[in-house]
């Protein structure tokens, strides 16, 4: 599979990923999954069968996986597609501190 080009940023409490994928039907050709804090985007662009000219477009399967930041809300991810750009927004809350105090007990 080919690697799709993307950009990502933290913006207004969301981790936002934008991926270039012109010429795909997002309802049929795009698959977004989340597993173990990894966001995977897969897309398939099929070549037109009735085209006889020269083409520099990339066709086939494209895939990209990114790590979600700490505090990402995996249950409220949203995705939109507009003008060849897929935008995936993941709400991110402040991660809770993982430090905690451990009581020491005497061996007596």
Protein backbone atom coordinates (compact mmCIF):
# COMPACT_ATOMS: atom_id res chain seq x y z
CA UNK A 1 0.00 0.00 0.00
CA UNK A 2 1.10 3.56 -0.67
CA UNK A 3 1.53 6.13 2.08
CA UNK A 4 -0.95 9.01 2.04
CA UNK A 5 0.26 12.50 2.82
CA UNK A 6 -1.16 14.10 5.92
CA UNK A 7 -0.80 16.89 8.43
CA UNK A 8 -1.78 16.93 12.08
CA UNK A 9 -2.08 19.48 14.87
CA UNK A 10 -3.57 20.12 18.29
CA UNK A 11 -6.29 22.76 17.94
CA UNK A 12 -8.96 23.91 20.41
CA UNK A 13 -8.77 20.75 22.53
CA UNK A 14 -8.80 18.39 19.54
CA UNK A 15 -6.15 16.39 17.77
CA UNK A 16 -6.86 17.05 14.08
CA UNK A 17 -5.51 14.92 11.23
CA UNK A 18 -5.99 15.98 7.60
CA UNK A 19 -5.21 13.54 4.79
CA UNK A 20 -4.99 14.24 1.07
CA UNK A 21 -7.20 11.85 -0.83
CA UNK A 22 -8.73 13.44 -3.92
CA UNK A 23 -10.86 11.30 -6.17
CA UNK A 24 -12.17 8.85 -3.57
CA UNK A 25 -15.74 8.19 -2.50
CA UNK A 26 -15.54 8.52 1.30
CA UNK A 27 -18.64 6.37 1.83
CA UNK A 28 -17.18 3.41 -0.11
CA UNK A 29 -13.42 3.87 -0.34
CA UNK A 30 -12.33 5.12 3.12
CA UNK A 31 -11.97 3.04 6.30
CA UNK A 32 -10.99 4.61 9.63
CA UNK A 33 -10.23 2.44 12.67
CA UNK A 34 -8.88 2.98 16.19
CA UNK A 35 -7.04 0.29 18.12
CA UNK A 36 -4.65 0.55 21.08
CA UNK A 37 -4.42 4.37 20.75
CA UNK A 38 -3.52 4.05 17.05
CA UNK A 39 -5.66 5.79 14.40
CA UNK A 40 -5.52 4.04 11.02
CA UNK A 41 -6.82 5.56 7.80
CA UNK A 42 -7.13 3.37 4.72
CA UNK A 43 -8.34 4.50 1.31
CA UNK A 44 -8.60 2.96 -2.14
CA UNK A 45 -8.56 4.96 -5.37
CA UNK A 46 -9.50 2.90 -8.40
CA UNK A 47 -8.14 3.69 -11.85
CA UNK A 48 -10.60 4.71 -14.53
CA UNK A 49 -10.91 1.87 -17.03
CA UNK A 50 -11.92 4.12 -19.96
CA UNK A 51 -8.83 6.37 -19.79
CA UNK A 52 -6.21 5.96 -22.56
CA UNK A 53 -3.96 8.97 -21.91
CA UNK A 54 -0.90 9.49 -19.70
CA UNK A 55 -1.56 9.69 -15.96
CA UNK A 56 0.69 10.70 -13.07
CA UNK A 57 -2.07 10.11 -10.52
CA UNK A 58 -1.52 7.45 -7.86
CA UNK A 59 -4.04 4.64 -7.73
CA UNK A 60 -4.50 1.67 -5.45
CA UNK A 61 -4.54 1.31 -1.68
CA UNK A 62 -3.26 4.03 0.63
CA UNK A 63 -2.75 3.60 4.37
CA UNK A 64 -1.48 5.68 7.27
CA UNK A 65 -1.41 5.06 11.03
CA UNK A 66 -0.74 7.72 13.67
CA UNK A 67 -0.48 7.51 17.45
CA UNK A 68 -3.21 9.33 19.34
CA UNK A 69 -2.10 11.70 22.11
CA UNK A 70 -2.63 10.92 25.80
CA UNK A 71 -6.17 11.85 26.85
CA UNK A 72 -7.68 11.15 23.40
CA UNK A 73 -11.41 10.36 23.53
CA UNK A 74 -11.58 7.39 21.16
CA UNK A 75 -15.38 7.14 21.51
CA UNK A 76 -16.06 10.61 20.06
CA UNK A 77 -13.94 10.73 16.92
CA UNK A 78 -15.49 12.58 13.96
CA UNK A 79 -14.49 12.50 10.31
CA UNK A 80 -15.48 14.75 7.40
CA UNK A 81 -14.51 14.81 3.73
CA UNK A 82 -14.44 18.04 1.73
CA UNK A 83 -12.74 18.92 -1.57
CA UNK A 84 -10.39 15.94 -1.50
CA UNK A 85 -9.31 16.35 2.13
CA UNK A 86 -10.34 13.93 4.87
CA UNK A 87 -10.37 15.60 8.31
CA UNK A 88 -10.43 13.45 11.45
CA UNK A 89 -11.01 15.23 14.78
CA UNK A 90 -10.30 13.53 18.10
CA UNK A 91 -11.29 15.34 21.33
CA UNK A 92 -8.44 15.38 23.84
CA UNK A 93 -8.85 16.04 27.55
CA UNK A 94 -6.09 16.80 29.99
CA UNK A 95 -4.56 13.47 30.92
CA UNK A 96 -5.08 12.60 34.55
CA UNK A 97 -1.85 12.46 36.52
CA UNK A 98 -0.64 8.89 36.84
CA UNK A 99 1.45 9.52 39.93
CA UNK A 100 0.04 8.23 43.21
CA UNK A 101 1.43 7.77 46.67
CA UNK A 102 2.21 4.24 47.93
CA UNK A 103 1.87 3.54 51.63
CA UNK A 104 4.91 1.87 53.19
CA UNK A 105 4.04 -0.77 55.77
CA UNK A 106 6.28 -1.87 58.57
CA UNK A 107 7.43 -5.51 58.65
CA UNK A 108 6.96 -5.75 62.46
